[in-house]
Protein backbone atom coordinates (compact mmCIF):
# COMPACT_ATOMS: atom_id res chain seq x y z
CA MET A 1 -0.06 -0.02 -0.04
CA SER A 2 1.20 3.57 -0.62
CA GLU A 3 1.97 5.89 2.26
CA PRO A 4 -0.28 9.01 2.77
CA GLY A 5 0.43 11.56 0.38
CA GLN A 6 2.74 9.59 -1.70
CA ASP A 7 2.56 9.70 -5.44
CA PRO A 8 0.42 6.70 -6.58
CA ALA A 9 2.73 6.22 -9.67
CA ALA A 10 5.96 6.40 -7.37
CA ALA A 11 4.33 3.84 -5.05
CA ALA A 12 3.68 1.59 -7.82
CA ARG A 13 7.15 1.75 -9.08
CA GLU A 14 8.46 0.82 -5.64
CA ALA A 15 6.12 -2.03 -5.14
CA LEU A 16 6.91 -3.45 -8.54
CA GLU A 17 10.65 -3.08 -7.87
CA ARG A 18 10.46 -4.99 -4.55
CA LEU A 19 8.74 -7.71 -6.43
CA LEU A 20 11.24 -7.88 -9.29
CA LEU A 21 14.28 -7.59 -7.15
CA ASP A 22 12.91 -10.25 -4.78
CA GLY A 23 13.20 -7.75 -1.85
CA PRO A 24 14.14 -4.17 -0.96
CA ARG A 25 17.58 -2.60 -1.67
CA ARG A 26 19.59 -2.68 1.45
CA TYR A 27 23.25 -3.17 0.52
CA THR A 28 25.86 -0.87 -0.83
CA ARG A 29 28.42 -1.94 -3.41
CA LEU A 30 31.22 -2.54 -0.73
CA GLN A 31 28.81 -4.33 1.55
CA VAL A 32 27.79 -6.94 -1.23
CA ALA A 33 31.45 -7.65 -2.05
CA GLU A 34 32.46 -8.07 1.58
CA ARG A 35 29.52 -10.43 2.20
CA ALA A 36 30.18 -12.39 -1.00
CA GLY A 37 33.82 -12.63 -0.09
CA MET A 38 34.84 -10.88 -3.44
CA PRO A 39 37.19 -8.08 -4.12
CA PRO A 40 34.97 -4.84 -4.84
CA GLN A 41 36.72 -4.40 -8.13
CA ARG A 42 35.53 -7.96 -9.31
CA THR A 43 31.97 -7.27 -8.31
CA GLN A 44 31.99 -3.90 -10.02
CA ARG A 45 33.63 -5.55 -13.24
CA LEU A 46 30.74 -7.99 -13.28
CA TRP A 47 28.01 -5.38 -12.68
CA ARG A 48 29.29 -3.18 -15.47
CA ALA A 49 29.50 -6.30 -17.85
CA LEU A 50 25.88 -7.10 -17.11
CA GLY A 51 25.22 -3.65 -18.55
CA PHE A 52 24.32 -1.86 -15.42
CA PRO A 53 25.72 1.80 -14.38
CA ASP A 54 27.85 2.07 -11.32
CA ALA A 55 26.28 2.59 -7.92
CA ALA A 56 27.70 5.00 -5.35
CA ASP A 57 29.63 3.49 -2.65
CA ASP A 58 27.15 4.83 -0.15
CA ASP A 59 24.01 3.92 -2.25
CA PRO A 60 22.18 0.88 -0.88
CA ALA A 61 21.32 -0.28 -4.41
CA PHE A 62 21.68 -4.18 -3.93
CA THR A 63 19.37 -6.81 -2.64
CA ASP A 64 19.68 -10.32 -1.00
CA ALA A 65 19.12 -11.75 -4.47
CA ASP A 66 22.24 -10.02 -5.57
CA LEU A 67 24.18 -11.71 -2.86
CA GLN A 68 22.60 -14.99 -3.84
CA ALA A 69 23.65 -14.58 -7.50
CA LEU A 70 27.27 -13.87 -6.63
CA GLY A 71 27.27 -17.00 -4.21
CA VAL A 72 25.90 -19.17 -7.31
CA LEU A 73 28.69 -17.57 -9.56
CA SER A 74 31.34 -18.61 -6.99
CA GLU A 75 30.11 -22.13 -6.88
CA LEU A 76 30.22 -22.35 -10.65
CA ILE A 77 33.70 -21.23 -10.73
CA ASP A 78 34.79 -23.57 -7.91
CA SER A 79 33.23 -26.44 -9.92
CA GLY A 80 35.19 -25.41 -13.03
CA PHE A 81 32.24 -24.95 -15.12
CA VAL A 82 32.94 -21.22 -15.32
CA ASP A 83 36.52 -19.88 -15.71
CA ALA A 84 37.35 -16.83 -13.39
CA GLU A 85 39.14 -15.40 -16.44
CA THR A 86 36.02 -15.57 -18.68
CA GLU A 87 33.34 -14.71 -16.03
CA ALA A 88 32.97 -11.14 -17.26
CA SER A 89 32.61 -12.17 -20.91
CA ILE A 90 29.81 -14.68 -19.90
CA ALA A 91 28.14 -11.88 -17.88
CA ARG A 92 28.32 -9.48 -20.81
CA ALA A 93 26.70 -12.14 -23.15
CA MET A 94 24.02 -12.75 -20.84
CA GLY A 95 23.45 -9.12 -20.14
CA GLN A 96 23.15 -8.05 -23.69
CA ALA A 97 20.79 -10.86 -24.68
CA LEU A 98 18.60 -10.64 -21.60
CA SER A 99 18.58 -6.66 -21.81
CA ARG A 100 16.71 -6.79 -25.13
CA LEU A 101 14.31 -9.42 -23.95
CA ALA A 102 13.57 -7.15 -20.77
CA ASP A 103 12.94 -4.21 -23.07
CA TRP A 104 10.23 -6.09 -24.91
CA GLN A 105 8.93 -7.45 -21.52
CA ALA A 106 8.62 -4.05 -19.96
CA ASP A 107 6.59 -2.71 -22.92
CA MET A 108 4.30 -5.76 -22.44
CA LEU A 109 3.99 -5.10 -18.78
CA ALA A 110 3.42 -1.37 -19.20
CA HIS A 111 0.42 -2.17 -21.35
CA ALA A 112 -0.84 -4.70 -18.84
CA LEU A 113 -0.46 -2.18 -16.00
CA THR A 114 -3.19 0.31 -17.36
CA ARG A 115 -6.68 0.13 -17.00
CA THR A 116 -9.59 1.53 -18.91
CA GLY A 117 -11.84 3.79 -16.67
CA PRO A 118 -15.54 4.47 -16.81
CA ASP A 119 -14.95 7.40 -19.28
CA GLY A 120 -13.12 5.17 -21.67
CA GLU A 121 -9.56 6.62 -20.87
CA ARG A 122 -6.72 4.42 -20.01
CA ARG A 123 -5.14 5.10 -16.46
CA PRO A 124 -2.19 3.70 -14.48
CA ALA A 125 -3.06 0.75 -12.32
CA SER A 126 -2.97 1.30 -8.66
CA PRO A 127 -0.01 0.03 -6.69
CA ASP A 128 -2.10 -2.98 -5.60
CA GLU A 129 -3.14 -3.70 -9.15
CA ALA A 130 0.34 -3.46 -10.51
CA VAL A 131 1.72 -5.95 -7.99
CA ALA A 132 -1.16 -8.28 -8.45
CA VAL A 133 -0.77 -8.22 -12.46
CA ALA A 134 3.00 -8.56 -12.22
CA ARG A 135 2.57 -11.48 -9.61
CA GLU A 136 0.40 -13.41 -12.09
CA LEU A 137 2.65 -12.61 -15.32
CA LEU A 138 6.13 -12.93 -14.08
CA PRO A 139 5.94 -16.66 -13.27
CA LYS A 140 4.49 -17.45 -16.58
CA MET A 141 7.17 -15.41 -18.33
CA ARG A 142 9.86 -17.09 -16.32
CA ASP A 143 8.52 -20.62 -17.17
CA ILE A 144 8.36 -19.87 -20.99
CA GLN A 145 11.84 -18.38 -20.85
CA HIS A 146 13.11 -21.61 -19.17
CA TYR A 147 11.22 -23.78 -21.71
CA VAL A 148 12.91 -21.96 -24.73
CA TRP A 149 16.30 -21.85 -23.24
CA ARG A 150 16.10 -25.73 -22.65
CA ARG A 151 14.75 -26.31 -26.21
CA HIS A 152 17.65 -24.27 -27.55
CA LEU A 153 20.18 -26.32 -25.69
CA ALA A 154 18.55 -29.51 -26.90
CA ALA A 155 18.86 -28.12 -30.46
CA ASN A 156 22.46 -27.62 -30.09
CA ALA A 157 23.10 -31.18 -28.75
CA ASP A 158 25.50 -31.68 -31.55
CA ARG A 159 27.72 -28.86 -30.41
CA LEU A 160 27.72 -30.27 -27.01
CA LEU A 161 28.80 -33.70 -28.33
CA ALA A 162 31.45 -32.11 -30.61
CA THR A 163 32.86 -30.19 -27.57
CA ALA A 164 33.19 -33.40 -25.61
CA ALA A 165 34.84 -35.12 -28.54
CA GLY A 166 37.53 -32.42 -28.41
CA GLN A 167 36.35 -30.31 -31.44
CA GLY A 168 35.80 -27.42 -29.23
CA ASP A 169 34.11 -24.29 -30.65
CA ARG A 170 35.40 -24.38 -34.11
CA ARG A 171 32.95 -25.64 -36.70
CA GLU A 172 32.62 -25.76 -40.54
CA LEU A 173 29.59 -23.55 -41.12
CA ALA A 174 27.98 -21.34 -43.82
CA VAL A 175 27.63 -17.71 -42.69
CA GLY A 176 25.25 -15.36 -44.24
CA PHE A 177 24.05 -11.76 -44.02
CA ALA A 178 20.70 -10.47 -45.31
CA ASP A 179 20.65 -6.70 -45.55
CA LEU A 180 17.83 -4.14 -46.37
CA VAL A 181 18.96 -1.86 -49.37
CA GLY A 182 18.34 1.82 -48.63
CA TYR A 183 17.22 1.38 -45.01
CA THR A 184 18.71 4.58 -44.01
CA SER A 185 17.03 6.85 -46.38
CA ARG A 186 13.79 4.99 -46.24
CA SER A 187 13.73 4.99 -42.42
CA ARG A 188 14.17 8.90 -42.37
CA GLY A 189 10.73 9.47 -43.80
CA MET A 190 9.01 6.89 -41.49
CA GLY A 191 7.28 7.55 -38.20
CA GLY A 192 8.16 5.55 -35.15
CA ARG A 193 5.35 3.19 -35.31
CA GLU A 194 5.88 2.37 -39.14
CA LEU A 195 9.43 1.89 -38.74
CA GLY A 196 8.90 -0.44 -35.87
CA ALA A 197 6.33 -2.47 -37.81
CA MET A 198 8.75 -2.76 -40.71
CA VAL A 199 11.61 -3.94 -38.45
CA GLU A 200 9.25 -6.44 -36.66
CA ASP A 201 8.11 -7.78 -40.03
CA PHE A 202 11.63 -8.25 -41.33
CA GLU A 203 12.91 -10.06 -38.20
CA ALA A 204 9.75 -12.20 -38.12
CA ILE A 205 10.12 -13.23 -41.82
CA ALA A 206 13.94 -13.69 -41.46
CA THR A 207 13.47 -15.81 -38.41
CA GLU A 208 10.85 -18.01 -39.98
CA VAL A 209 12.83 -18.54 -43.38
CA ILE A 210 16.17 -19.36 -41.42
CA ALA A 211 14.46 -21.80 -39.03
CA GLN A 212 12.78 -23.64 -41.86
CA ARG A 213 16.37 -24.67 -43.11
CA ARG A 214 17.40 -25.80 -39.62
CA ALA A 215 19.93 -22.68 -39.53
CA ARG A 216 20.43 -20.18 -36.56
CA VAL A 217 19.91 -16.47 -36.33
CA VAL A 218 23.07 -15.15 -34.73
CA LYS A 219 21.78 -11.72 -34.34
CA THR A 220 19.67 -8.92 -35.93
CA VAL A 221 20.59 -5.27 -36.23
CA GLY A 222 17.59 -3.40 -37.52
CA ASP A 223 18.33 -3.52 -41.24
CA GLY A 224 20.25 -6.73 -41.28
CA VAL A 225 20.30 -10.22 -39.93
CA LEU A 226 23.54 -12.57 -39.49
CA PHE A 227 22.77 -16.31 -39.74
CA THR A 228 24.70 -19.68 -39.84
CA ALA A 229 23.73 -22.89 -41.49
CA ALA A 230 25.33 -26.28 -41.31
CA SER A 231 25.35 -26.81 -45.10
CA ALA A 232 25.88 -24.79 -48.14
CA VAL A 233 22.54 -25.88 -49.56
CA ASP A 234 20.79 -24.56 -46.58
CA ALA A 235 22.56 -21.27 -46.79
CA VAL A 236 21.85 -20.98 -50.48
CA GLU A 237 18.13 -21.79 -49.86
CA ILE A 238 17.88 -19.17 -47.16
CA GLY A 239 19.51 -16.51 -49.52
CA LEU A 240 17.05 -17.24 -52.30
CA ARG A 241 14.05 -17.58 -50.30
CA LEU A 242 14.48 -14.59 -48.01
CA PRO A 243 14.29 -11.84 -50.68
CA GLU A 244 11.05 -13.76 -52.30
CA ALA A 245 9.45 -13.90 -48.82
CA TRP A 246 10.10 -10.19 -48.09
CA ASP A 247 9.43 -8.67 -51.49
CA THR A 248 6.59 -6.19 -51.68
CA GLU A 249 6.24 -2.81 -53.45
CA GLU A 250 6.05 -1.02 -49.90
CA ARG A 251 9.38 -2.68 -48.55
CA PRO A 252 13.10 -1.83 -49.48
CA PRO A 253 14.64 -4.72 -51.37
CA LEU A 254 16.76 -7.33 -49.71
CA ARG A 255 20.35 -8.66 -50.59
CA VAL A 256 22.19 -11.63 -49.24
CA GLY A 257 25.82 -12.61 -49.10
CA ALA A 258 27.20 -16.09 -47.85
CA ALA A 259 30.55 -17.67 -47.39
CA PHE A 260 31.69 -21.15 -46.11
CA GLY A 261 34.65 -22.06 -43.88
CA THR A 262 35.80 -22.70 -40.21
CA VAL A 263 34.06 -20.45 -37.76
CA LEU A 264 34.74 -19.77 -34.00
CA THR A 265 31.35 -19.68 -32.01
CA ARG A 266 31.84 -17.95 -28.64
CA LEU A 267 29.04 -16.72 -26.21
CA GLY A 268 26.48 -16.96 -28.85
CA ASP A 269 28.35 -15.08 -31.54
CA VAL A 270 30.62 -15.98 -34.52
CA TYR A 271 34.09 -14.96 -35.40
CA SER A 272 36.13 -15.78 -38.58
CA PRO A 273 37.28 -14.24 -41.80
CA VAL A 274 34.28 -16.14 -43.19
CA VAL A 275 32.05 -13.66 -41.45
CA ASN A 276 33.81 -10.85 -42.94
CA MET A 277 33.70 -12.39 -46.25
CA ALA A 278 30.07 -12.73 -46.11
CA SER A 279 29.59 -9.15 -44.97
CA ARG A 280 31.68 -7.93 -47.98
CA LEU A 281 29.75 -10.13 -50.39
CA THR A 282 26.53 -8.57 -49.06
CA SER A 283 27.85 -5.17 -49.56
CA LEU A 284 28.28 -6.11 -53.29
CA ALA A 285 25.15 -7.78 -53.95
CA ARG A 286 22.46 -6.22 -56.15
CA PRO A 287 18.94 -5.90 -54.70
CA GLY A 288 17.25 -9.38 -54.58
CA THR A 289 20.39 -11.21 -55.38
CA VAL A 290 22.58 -13.76 -53.53
CA LEU A 291 26.42 -13.62 -53.78
CA VAL A 292 28.62 -16.33 -52.32
CA ASP A 293 32.31 -17.10 -52.10
CA ARG A 294 34.14 -19.62 -54.14
CA VAL A 295 34.11 -22.25 -51.27
CA LEU A 296 30.35 -22.19 -50.96
CA ALA A 297 29.87 -21.94 -54.77
CA ASP A 298 31.92 -25.27 -55.30
CA GLN A 299 29.67 -27.05 -53.04
CA VAL A 300 26.30 -26.21 -55.00
CA ARG A 301 27.47 -25.57 -58.64
CA ASP A 302 27.05 -29.13 -59.77
CA LEU A 303 23.46 -29.28 -58.46
CA PRO A 304 20.74 -28.93 -61.06
CA GLU A 305 18.63 -26.90 -58.66
CA TYR A 306 20.94 -24.00 -58.84
CA ARG A 307 22.52 -21.69 -61.55
CA VAL A 308 26.11 -20.58 -60.39
CA ARG A 309 28.03 -17.82 -62.17
CA PRO A 310 31.36 -16.37 -61.51
CA LEU A 311 31.29 -12.34 -61.80
CA ARG A 312 34.09 -10.07 -62.44
CA ARG A 313 36.62 -9.64 -59.55
CA VAL A 314 36.31 -6.42 -57.42
CA SER A 315 38.38 -4.80 -54.65
CA VAL A 316 36.62 -3.97 -51.40
CA ARG A 317 37.82 -3.14 -48.00
CA GLY A 318 40.19 -5.92 -46.76
CA TYR A 319 40.05 -7.83 -49.98
CA ASP A 320 41.84 -7.10 -53.35
CA HIS A 321 40.36 -8.87 -56.47
CA LEU A 322 37.56 -10.42 -54.60
CA GLN A 323 35.65 -13.03 -56.68
CA PRO A 324 32.00 -13.21 -56.09
CA TRP A 325 29.67 -15.93 -57.26
CA LEU A 326 26.09 -15.19 -58.38
CA VAL A 327 23.55 -17.96 -57.37
CA ARG A 328 20.18 -18.39 -58.92
CA ARG A 329 17.52 -20.94 -59.36
CA GLY A 330 17.49 -23.00 -62.46
CA LYS A 331 19.46 -25.64 -64.36
CA TYR A 332 23.16 -25.25 -63.94
CA VAL A 333 25.06 -23.74 -66.88
CA GLU A 334 28.73 -23.92 -67.36
CA ASP A 335 30.06 -20.36 -67.23
CA ALA A 336 33.70 -20.93 -66.21
CA ASP A 337 36.33 -18.12 -66.61
CA ASP A 338 36.29 -18.33 -70.46
CA GLY A 339 35.53 -14.74 -71.33
CA HIS A 340 31.77 -14.89 -70.94
CA VAL A 341 30.43 -11.44 -70.63
CA PHE A 342 27.55 -11.26 -68.04
CA ASP A 343 24.61 -8.88 -68.08
CA ASP A 344 25.57 -5.58 -66.05
CA ALA A 345 22.62 -6.30 -63.71
CA ASP A 346 24.47 -9.44 -62.64
CA GLU A 347 27.65 -7.68 -61.75
CA PRO A 348 28.40 -6.63 -58.20
CA GLY A 349 28.08 -3.16 -56.95
CA ASP A 350 31.36 -0.94 -56.66
CA HIS A 351 30.70 0.56 -53.34
CA GLU A 352 29.92 -0.52 -49.58
CA LYS A 353 26.34 -0.96 -48.68
CA GLU A 354 24.53 2.05 -47.41
CA ARG A 355 23.52 2.13 -43.76
């Protein structure tokens, strides 16, 4: 309940915060470090890695749940599951992923914490209503997050077994980028709601097409998506289907670049010259087309489902005389480097992609 004279909105925030943090704020940064048996510099490094701003030394910003979390982390390090040298990297990866999830959930909660009054106007929920709604929703949100997390672990069982067999986090993968052409100029003329709807549509369609080919979305950044696939065929199919699924007169066109090779997977992200190659190929691709590197092209060029053509070599940042290969549907046509002149529309662009 709110105190007499207390702003109802402030009371609602306080009540909701106590519920979310599993108790009141009672410890300073230095007290948390002392009770957890950790140096203050270490707890501060982890706090920053999670994406939270520094708290003043005399600010009671922490709760019993913070202490409990530090205790679990110490147990994981003692067991050898988490390396003390990489704990900040793990915290950073978790913080970035869950921060985005929390942004979406906060919007959902904000909508749930308003009520329609007798006059038809929407009004903020009372503190008691806010806590009641949150108590009902939070366990459901927690349970579905737990389910999705376990399902993703199960989907990556092959990676778990590969690591046990000593292959570690290096894998042979196809890496692809899909990029909206002219996104920056197009977005300047859009309102926030319209732009948000377009981005939501893009992410939804990209996720669906990529999942259909048993591939994985690594990350999305507004106007683009980075994905990995276990096979060259899956990567090519994604590259061909995405522009088709996305294409309407109202939307900016889509282009795709992909490459194949050894990739380091770490904390949910991917690192390799293969990633850079895919990005450069995407920057060269014409709207609605798919460009791949020679390694990926060699794996699909003899399949009758595709038509694979080498295009003229170009120089881009980091690569001199880069050889793109255009992939289209249709019967394979022999187009080796024998002086064949391709249509200008097939040739790669001569500048980096607009952002």
